[in-house]
Protein backbone atom coordinates (compact mmCIF):
# COMPACT_ATOMS: atom_id res chain seq x y z
CA UNK A 1 -34.42 -48.51 166.79
CA UNK A 2 -34.65 -52.27 165.99
CA UNK A 3 -35.62 -53.39 162.42
CA UNK A 4 -39.27 -53.64 163.28
CA UNK A 5 -39.08 -49.62 163.72
CA UNK A 6 -39.60 -49.77 167.40
CA UNK A 7 -37.24 -47.98 169.79
CA UNK A 8 -35.08 -50.12 171.97
CA UNK A 9 -34.92 -49.52 175.78
CA UNK A 10 -31.63 -48.77 177.40
CA UNK A 11 -30.78 -52.37 178.47
CA UNK A 12 -31.51 -53.71 174.99
CA UNK A 13 -29.35 -50.91 173.26
CA UNK A 14 -26.62 -51.88 175.83
CA UNK A 15 -26.94 -55.52 175.07
CA UNK A 16 -26.87 -54.99 171.46
CA UNK A 17 -23.88 -52.91 171.38
CA UNK A 18 -22.11 -55.23 174.00
CA UNK A 19 -22.55 -58.21 171.59
CA UNK A 20 -20.98 -56.33 168.84
CA UNK A 21 -17.17 -56.85 168.32
CA UNK A 22 -15.11 -55.16 165.55
CA UNK A 23 -11.72 -55.92 164.78
CA UNK A 24 -9.17 -53.82 163.40
CA UNK A 25 -8.77 -54.12 159.51
CA UNK A 26 -5.34 -54.63 157.96
CA UNK A 27 -4.11 -51.90 155.63
CA UNK A 28 -1.84 -51.97 152.85
CA UNK A 29 1.21 -52.29 152.87
CA UNK A 30 0.75 -54.90 156.07
CA UNK A 31 2.43 -58.09 154.78
CA UNK A 32 -0.22 -60.32 156.28
CA UNK A 33 -2.52 -59.23 153.54
CA UNK A 34 -0.24 -61.51 151.26
CA UNK A 35 -0.71 -64.69 153.49
CA UNK A 36 -2.31 -67.72 152.10
CA UNK A 37 -5.07 -68.62 154.23
CA UNK A 38 -5.39 -72.30 155.86
CA UNK A 39 -8.44 -74.30 155.40
CA UNK A 40 -11.19 -74.54 158.14
CA UNK A 41 -11.27 -78.00 159.72
CA UNK A 42 -14.62 -77.64 161.09
CA UNK A 43 -17.35 -75.29 162.35
CA UNK A 44 -17.05 -74.63 166.07
CA UNK A 45 -17.58 -71.79 168.27
CA UNK A 46 -14.30 -70.11 167.46
CA UNK A 47 -15.26 -69.93 163.78
CA UNK A 48 -18.81 -68.85 164.46
CA UNK A 49 -17.38 -65.95 166.82
CA UNK A 50 -14.86 -65.10 163.93
CA UNK A 51 -17.88 -64.90 161.57
CA UNK A 52 -19.82 -62.84 163.92
CA UNK A 53 -16.89 -60.40 164.47
CA UNK A 54 -16.14 -60.12 160.69
CA UNK A 55 -20.00 -59.08 159.98
CA UNK A 56 -19.75 -56.54 162.66
CA UNK A 57 -16.62 -55.30 161.40
CA UNK A 58 -17.85 -55.26 157.72
CA UNK A 59 -21.03 -53.61 158.51
CA UNK A 60 -19.33 -50.93 160.79
CA UNK A 61 -16.59 -50.08 158.21
CA UNK A 62 -18.92 -50.10 156.02
CA UNK A 63 -18.10 -52.72 153.37
CA UNK A 64 -19.83 -55.47 151.46
CA UNK A 65 -17.42 -58.23 151.88
CA UNK A 66 -14.54 -59.15 154.27
CA UNK A 67 -11.88 -62.00 154.33
CA UNK A 68 -10.64 -63.27 157.40
CA UNK A 69 -7.09 -62.34 156.70
CA UNK A 70 -8.17 -58.52 156.59
CA UNK A 71 -8.74 -58.86 160.24
CA UNK A 72 -5.39 -60.69 160.85
CA UNK A 73 -6.84 -64.32 161.03
CA UNK A 74 -5.06 -66.49 158.13
CA UNK A 75 -8.44 -68.90 157.97
CA UNK A 76 -10.32 -69.39 154.82
CA UNK A 77 -13.46 -67.48 156.05
CA UNK A 78 -15.41 -64.86 153.98
CA UNK A 79 -18.47 -62.65 154.73
CA UNK A 80 -20.55 -60.88 152.17
CA UNK A 81 -23.66 -58.78 152.28
CA UNK A 82 -24.21 -57.07 148.89
CA UNK A 83 -27.72 -55.55 149.77
CA UNK A 84 -28.06 -52.03 149.01
CA UNK A 85 -28.85 -49.10 151.71
CA UNK A 86 -32.33 -49.37 152.72
CA UNK A 87 -32.57 -53.11 151.45
CA UNK A 88 -32.92 -55.91 154.10
CA UNK A 89 -29.55 -57.39 154.90
CA UNK A 90 -28.72 -60.59 153.18
CA UNK A 91 -25.31 -61.83 155.07
CA UNK A 92 -23.55 -64.66 153.59
CA UNK A 93 -20.73 -66.64 155.41
CA UNK A 94 -18.61 -68.63 153.19
CA UNK A 95 -16.09 -71.22 154.87
CA UNK A 96 -13.41 -72.83 152.80
CA UNK A 97 -14.84 -71.20 149.59
CA UNK A 98 -13.64 -72.18 146.13
CA UNK A 99 -14.76 -71.23 142.56
CA UNK A 100 -15.50 -74.39 140.73
CA UNK A 101 -16.50 -72.86 137.41
CA UNK A 102 -16.59 -69.38 135.76
CA UNK A 103 -18.09 -68.06 132.60
CA UNK A 104 -15.77 -67.21 129.65
CA UNK A 105 -17.98 -63.80 129.62
CA UNK A 106 -16.25 -60.95 131.51
CA UNK A 107 -17.81 -57.92 133.48
CA UNK A 108 -15.99 -54.72 134.76
CA UNK A 109 -16.79 -53.12 138.15
CA UNK A 110 -15.25 -50.46 139.98
CA UNK A 111 -13.76 -52.25 143.07
CA UNK A 112 -12.52 -51.09 146.35
CA UNK A 113 -11.06 -52.75 149.43
CA UNK A 114 -11.42 -52.00 153.19
CA UNK A 115 -7.62 -52.85 153.33
CA UNK A 116 -6.78 -50.26 150.52
CA UNK A 117 -9.29 -47.25 151.82
CA UNK A 118 -10.43 -44.72 149.58
CA UNK A 119 -8.95 -46.29 146.45
CA UNK A 120 -10.97 -47.51 143.71
CA UNK A 121 -10.18 -49.02 140.26
CA UNK A 122 -12.00 -50.80 137.38
CA UNK A 123 -11.29 -54.64 137.38
CA UNK A 124 -12.48 -57.11 134.82
CA UNK A 125 -13.40 -60.52 136.23
CA UNK A 126 -15.67 -63.58 135.00
CA UNK A 127 -19.27 -62.31 135.01
CA UNK A 128 -20.65 -65.55 136.37
CA UNK A 129 -18.95 -68.08 138.66
CA UNK A 130 -20.23 -71.06 140.73
CA UNK A 131 -18.86 -71.10 144.21
CA UNK A 132 -18.57 -74.11 146.62
CA UNK A 133 -18.53 -73.54 150.20
CA UNK A 134 -19.45 -74.82 153.73
CA UNK A 135 -22.14 -72.89 155.53
CA UNK A 136 -22.19 -72.18 159.15
CA UNK A 137 -24.35 -75.31 159.66
CA UNK A 138 -21.63 -77.59 158.30
CA UNK A 139 -23.43 -78.12 154.78
CA UNK A 140 -21.45 -77.91 151.69
CA UNK A 141 -23.01 -75.74 149.04
CA UNK A 142 -22.64 -74.88 145.53
CA UNK A 143 -24.16 -71.31 144.51
CA UNK A 144 -24.27 -69.76 141.21
CA UNK A 145 -23.23 -65.99 141.44
CA UNK A 146 -23.64 -63.12 139.24
CA UNK A 147 -23.27 -59.38 139.09
CA UNK A 148 -21.95 -57.70 142.01
CA UNK A 149 -22.21 -60.82 144.13
CA UNK A 150 -19.86 -62.80 141.67
CA UNK A 151 -17.09 -59.78 141.64
CA UNK A 152 -17.36 -59.66 145.37
CA UNK A 153 -16.80 -63.50 145.92
CA UNK A 154 -14.03 -63.39 143.51
CA UNK A 155 -12.60 -60.58 145.26
CA UNK A 156 -12.78 -62.11 148.79
CA UNK A 157 -11.44 -65.44 147.68
CA UNK A 158 -8.46 -63.65 146.11
CA UNK A 159 -7.68 -62.28 149.54
CA UNK A 160 -7.63 -65.73 150.89
CA UNK A 161 -5.20 -66.50 148.32
CA UNK A 162 -2.81 -63.45 149.07
CA UNK A 163 -4.02 -61.55 146.09
CA UNK A 164 -5.33 -57.81 146.18
CA UNK A 165 -7.63 -56.56 143.76
CA UNK A 166 -4.75 -54.01 142.72
CA UNK A 167 -2.93 -57.15 141.51
CA UNK A 168 -5.69 -57.20 138.69
CA UNK A 169 -4.60 -53.56 137.31
CA UNK A 170 -1.66 -52.16 135.45
CA UNK A 171 1.82 -52.34 137.17
CA UNK A 172 1.99 -48.49 136.87
CA UNK A 173 -1.19 -47.86 138.67
CA UNK A 174 -0.32 -50.73 141.27
CA UNK A 175 3.12 -49.14 142.10
CA UNK A 176 1.50 -45.84 142.36
CA UNK A 177 -0.99 -47.18 145.03
CA UNK A 178 1.75 -49.09 146.76
CA UNK A 179 3.91 -45.88 147.19
CA UNK A 180 1.07 -44.04 148.53
CA UNK A 181 0.13 -46.64 151.14
CA UNK A 182 4.11 -47.14 152.09
CA UNK A 183 4.35 -43.52 152.58
CA UNK A 184 1.26 -43.25 154.69
CA UNK A 185 2.29 -46.03 156.90
CA UNK A 186 5.72 -44.52 157.39
CA UNK A 187 4.11 -41.15 158.45
CA UNK A 188 1.65 -43.03 160.89
CA UNK A 189 4.65 -44.76 162.49
CA UNK A 190 6.81 -41.65 162.70
CA UNK A 191 3.83 -40.03 164.79
């Protein structure tokens, strides 16, 4: 069915799925997740394709945010959609995002990550931020963010700087998570 609630015919369905391109998501302990991403020089067809693929990958996972480095591309590109199930999608693509201000007040969210599947931990971050980024039309924008959107923006920008949400928790918890995922990766490579 399409978003208007009508059934797609076979050719429309095939065209829709043919246009979807999901990419593999890097999983901890992949060292690429610690790479610092390079700025995007300009919005071109390659960047638009990357953003399209990132949205497809993020929605398919499913997740609410994805940084390009998580699909193996070390470029400063982020996709976010914090709409809840049943709500209309609100996709946002941020090119070269940077936080230009943060509130002194903090909030705590239980965060998870597509690159650290099935692990969640409470993380404290600024409750409100202002983010500057370039949109897909090439316009530089500044947007205030609060609540879940602010948390997601900070989480994804951290990825662009080689920082994972587990870097914001205690060393003991972080070490346990790392050991678990290293062990899991060894098992998968042994198979």
